[in-house]
Amino acid sequence: MDAPRLLPALVDGQDEAAVEELLVDLSMAVVVGKIITGLRRGTPA
């Protein structure tokens, strides 16, 4: 992730589509991480 380039986009609000896409990607990664963690523990997420 390129944080220095991302922060101005968040502040300006000009690249809202890219920021929204990033947030979706992050939330998907969190969900996938929780599922993987749940599977490793042997319990459904």
N, C-alpha and C. Protein backbone atom coordinates (compact mmCIF):
# COMPACT_ATOMS: atom_id res chain seq x y z
N MET A 1 0.83 -1.21 0.00
CA MET A 1 0.00 0.00 0.00
C MET A 1 0.87 1.26 0.00
N ASP A 2 0.43 2.25 -0.74
CA ASP A 2 1.20 3.48 -0.85
C ASP A 2 0.54 4.56 -0.01
N ALA A 3 0.87 4.59 1.27
CA ALA A 3 0.22 5.52 2.21
C ALA A 3 0.43 6.99 1.85
N PRO A 4 1.65 7.41 1.52
CA PRO A 4 1.85 8.84 1.22
C PRO A 4 0.96 9.33 0.09
N ARG A 5 0.71 8.48 -0.89
CA ARG A 5 -0.14 8.88 -2.02
C ARG A 5 -1.61 8.79 -1.65
N LEU A 6 -1.92 7.92 -0.72
CA LEU A 6 -3.31 7.66 -0.37
C LEU A 6 -3.89 8.75 0.53
N LEU A 7 -3.08 9.23 1.47
CA LEU A 7 -3.57 10.23 2.42
C LEU A 7 -4.07 11.51 1.76
N PRO A 8 -3.35 12.09 0.80
CA PRO A 8 -3.88 13.27 0.14
C PRO A 8 -5.21 12.99 -0.56
N ALA A 9 -5.37 11.78 -1.10
CA ALA A 9 -6.62 11.42 -1.76
C ALA A 9 -7.76 11.43 -0.74
N LEU A 10 -7.47 10.92 0.46
CA LEU A 10 -8.50 10.92 1.51
C LEU A 10 -8.87 12.34 1.91
N VAL A 11 -7.86 13.20 2.00
CA VAL A 11 -8.09 14.59 2.43
C VAL A 11 -8.85 15.36 1.36
N ASP A 12 -8.41 15.24 0.11
CA ASP A 12 -9.01 16.01 -0.98
C ASP A 12 -10.39 15.49 -1.35
N GLY A 13 -10.57 14.18 -1.24
CA GLY A 13 -11.84 13.58 -1.62
C GLY A 13 -12.01 13.52 -3.13
N GLN A 14 -10.92 13.72 -3.87
CA GLN A 14 -11.01 13.71 -5.33
C GLN A 14 -11.01 12.29 -5.87
N ASP A 15 -10.38 11.39 -5.14
CA ASP A 15 -10.23 10.02 -5.61
C ASP A 15 -11.12 9.10 -4.78
N GLU A 16 -12.37 9.52 -4.62
CA GLU A 16 -13.27 8.78 -3.72
C GLU A 16 -13.47 7.34 -4.16
N ALA A 17 -13.54 7.11 -5.45
CA ALA A 17 -13.75 5.75 -5.94
C ALA A 17 -12.60 4.83 -5.52
N ALA A 18 -11.37 5.33 -5.64
CA ALA A 18 -10.21 4.51 -5.28
C ALA A 18 -10.18 4.27 -3.78
N VAL A 19 -10.52 5.30 -3.01
CA VAL A 19 -10.53 5.15 -1.55
C VAL A 19 -11.59 4.14 -1.14
N GLU A 20 -12.77 4.25 -1.76
CA GLU A 20 -13.86 3.33 -1.44
C GLU A 20 -13.46 1.90 -1.79
N GLU A 21 -12.79 1.74 -2.94
CA GLU A 21 -12.33 0.42 -3.37
C GLU A 21 -11.34 -0.14 -2.36
N LEU A 22 -10.46 0.73 -1.88
CA LEU A 22 -9.46 0.30 -0.90
C LEU A 22 -10.15 -0.16 0.39
N LEU A 23 -11.15 0.60 0.83
CA LEU A 23 -11.87 0.24 2.06
C LEU A 23 -12.56 -1.10 1.89
N VAL A 24 -13.14 -1.34 0.71
CA VAL A 24 -13.79 -2.62 0.44
C VAL A 24 -12.76 -3.74 0.49
N ASP A 25 -11.59 -3.50 -0.14
CA ASP A 25 -10.52 -4.50 -0.13
C ASP A 25 -10.08 -4.80 1.30
N LEU A 26 -9.95 -3.76 2.11
CA LEU A 26 -9.51 -3.94 3.51
C LEU A 26 -10.54 -4.75 4.29
N SER A 27 -11.82 -4.41 4.13
CA SER A 27 -12.85 -5.12 4.88
C SER A 27 -12.94 -6.58 4.43
N MET A 28 -12.76 -6.82 3.13
CA MET A 28 -12.75 -8.19 2.63
C MET A 28 -11.58 -8.96 3.23
N ALA A 29 -10.42 -8.30 3.31
CA ALA A 29 -9.23 -8.95 3.88
C ALA A 29 -9.48 -9.30 5.35
N VAL A 30 -10.17 -8.43 6.07
CA VAL A 30 -10.47 -8.69 7.48
C VAL A 30 -11.40 -9.90 7.59
N VAL A 31 -12.42 -9.95 6.74
CA VAL A 31 -13.37 -11.08 6.78
C VAL A 31 -12.64 -12.38 6.46
N VAL A 32 -11.82 -12.36 5.42
CA VAL A 32 -11.06 -13.57 5.04
C VAL A 32 -10.14 -13.99 6.17
N GLY A 33 -9.50 -13.00 6.80
CA GLY A 33 -8.61 -13.31 7.92
C GLY A 33 -9.35 -13.97 9.07
N LYS A 34 -10.55 -13.46 9.36
CA LYS A 34 -11.35 -14.04 10.45
C LYS A 34 -11.75 -15.47 10.11
N ILE A 35 -12.12 -15.70 8.85
CA ILE A 35 -12.52 -17.05 8.43
C ILE A 35 -11.34 -18.01 8.56
N ILE A 36 -10.16 -17.57 8.09
CA ILE A 36 -8.96 -18.42 8.17
C ILE A 36 -8.62 -18.71 9.62
N THR A 37 -8.69 -17.68 10.46
CA THR A 37 -8.40 -17.87 11.88
C THR A 37 -9.39 -18.86 12.49
N GLY A 38 -10.65 -18.73 12.13
CA GLY A 38 -11.68 -19.64 12.65
C GLY A 38 -11.43 -21.07 12.20
N LEU A 39 -11.02 -21.26 10.96
CA LEU A 39 -10.75 -22.60 10.45
C LEU A 39 -9.54 -23.20 11.16
N ARG A 40 -8.54 -22.37 11.43
CA ARG A 40 -7.34 -22.87 12.12
C ARG A 40 -7.68 -23.33 13.53
N ARG A 41 -8.63 -22.63 14.16
CA ARG A 41 -9.03 -23.00 15.52
C ARG A 41 -10.00 -24.18 15.51
N GLY A 42 -10.49 -24.52 14.32
CA GLY A 42 -11.40 -25.65 14.20
C GLY A 42 -12.84 -25.28 14.49
N THR A 43 -13.15 -23.97 14.51
CA THR A 43 -14.52 -23.54 14.74
C THR A 43 -14.97 -22.67 13.58
N PRO A 44 -16.23 -22.79 13.16
CA PRO A 44 -16.73 -21.96 12.08
C PRO A 44 -16.75 -20.49 12.48
N ALA A 45 -16.46 -19.61 11.53
CA ALA A 45 -16.36 -18.17 11.82
C ALA A 45 -17.72 -17.60 12.22
